[in-house]
Amino acid sequence: MNIARVRWACRRGMLELDVLFQPFVEHEYQHLSDADKALFIRLLEGEDPELFAWFMGHETCPDPELARMVVQVRGREAP
């Protein structure tokens, strides 16, 4: 998936997710391995309520790989 499509996929229905995803894509996505880029895209395929619960710590992601990406995205501080 090209970067423009990834940016578009980061535009969510929840501001809280936009605030997490957009800076990550702008500053970190290009440095990910191809496998992690694919994993991030798979994460973006999740539903907003599910993603919100994972990122806000209300629930734990049941998929270990996606859980690792959640931690990685959360670790990225917005400039």
Protein backbone atom coordinates (compact mmCIF):
# COMPACT_ATOMS: atom_id res chain seq x y z
CA MET A 1 0.00 0.00 0.00
CA ASN A 2 1.44 3.37 -0.91
CA ILE A 3 1.94 6.08 1.71
CA ALA A 4 -1.00 8.19 0.50
CA ARG A 5 -3.37 5.26 1.05
CA VAL A 6 -1.86 4.58 4.48
CA ARG A 7 -2.36 8.23 5.43
CA TRP A 8 -5.97 8.02 4.27
CA ALA A 9 -6.53 4.83 6.27
CA CYS A 10 -5.24 6.64 9.36
CA ARG A 11 -8.11 9.11 9.17
CA ARG A 12 -10.54 7.59 11.61
CA GLY A 13 -13.92 8.42 13.08
CA MET A 14 -12.32 9.12 16.45
CA LEU A 15 -10.04 12.06 17.10
CA GLU A 16 -8.14 10.05 19.72
CA LEU A 17 -7.08 7.55 17.06
CA ASP A 18 -6.22 10.27 14.55
CA VAL A 19 -3.91 11.85 17.12
CA LEU A 20 -2.08 8.55 17.52
CA PHE A 21 -1.97 7.31 13.94
CA GLN A 22 -1.19 10.43 11.92
CA PRO A 23 2.07 11.40 13.68
CA PHE A 24 3.16 7.76 13.64
CA VAL A 25 2.69 7.55 9.89
CA GLU A 26 4.40 10.87 9.26
CA HIS A 27 7.46 10.17 11.41
CA GLU A 28 7.85 6.43 11.95
CA TYR A 29 6.12 4.43 9.21
CA GLN A 30 8.87 4.96 6.61
CA HIS A 31 11.43 3.44 9.02
CA LEU A 32 9.47 0.24 9.65
CA SER A 33 10.47 -3.07 8.09
CA ASP A 34 8.21 -4.34 5.33
CA ALA A 35 6.77 -6.88 7.77
CA ASP A 36 5.97 -4.16 10.31
CA LYS A 37 4.45 -1.96 7.61
CA ALA A 38 2.15 -4.85 6.71
CA LEU A 39 1.36 -5.34 10.39
CA PHE A 40 0.49 -1.65 10.81
CA ILE A 41 -1.81 -1.84 7.79
CA ARG A 42 -3.46 -4.92 9.32
CA LEU A 43 -3.92 -2.94 12.54
CA LEU A 44 -5.66 -0.18 10.58
CA GLU A 45 -8.19 -2.73 9.33
CA GLY A 46 -9.58 -2.97 12.87
CA GLU A 47 -12.80 -1.29 13.92
CA ASP A 48 -12.54 2.04 15.73
CA PRO A 49 -14.14 0.89 19.02
CA GLU A 50 -11.79 -2.09 19.19
CA LEU A 51 -8.73 0.02 18.39
CA PHE A 52 -9.80 2.67 20.89
CA ALA A 53 -10.10 0.04 23.63
CA TRP A 54 -6.63 -1.30 22.86
CA PHE A 55 -4.92 2.06 22.63
CA MET A 56 -6.58 3.47 25.73
CA GLY A 57 -5.71 0.35 27.71
CA HIS A 58 -9.32 -0.69 28.37
CA GLU A 59 -8.71 -4.06 26.70
CA THR A 60 -5.69 -6.09 25.66
CA CYS A 61 -5.33 -6.97 22.02
CA PRO A 62 -5.63 -10.77 21.73
CA ASP A 63 -3.22 -10.95 18.77
CA PRO A 64 0.39 -10.75 20.06
CA GLU A 65 1.73 -9.20 16.85
CA LEU A 66 -0.95 -6.51 16.78
CA ALA A 67 -0.44 -5.93 20.50
CA ARG A 68 3.25 -5.26 19.79
CA MET A 69 2.29 -2.71 17.13
CA VAL A 70 -0.15 -1.04 19.53
CA VAL A 71 2.72 -0.62 22.01
CA GLN A 72 4.97 0.73 19.26
CA VAL A 73 2.41 3.29 18.09
CA ARG A 74 1.60 4.33 21.65
CA GLY A 75 5.30 4.82 22.30
CA ARG A 76 5.51 7.44 19.57
CA GLU A 77 5.07 10.84 21.12
CA ALA A 78 3.59 13.57 18.98
CA PRO A 79 6.01 16.45 18.31
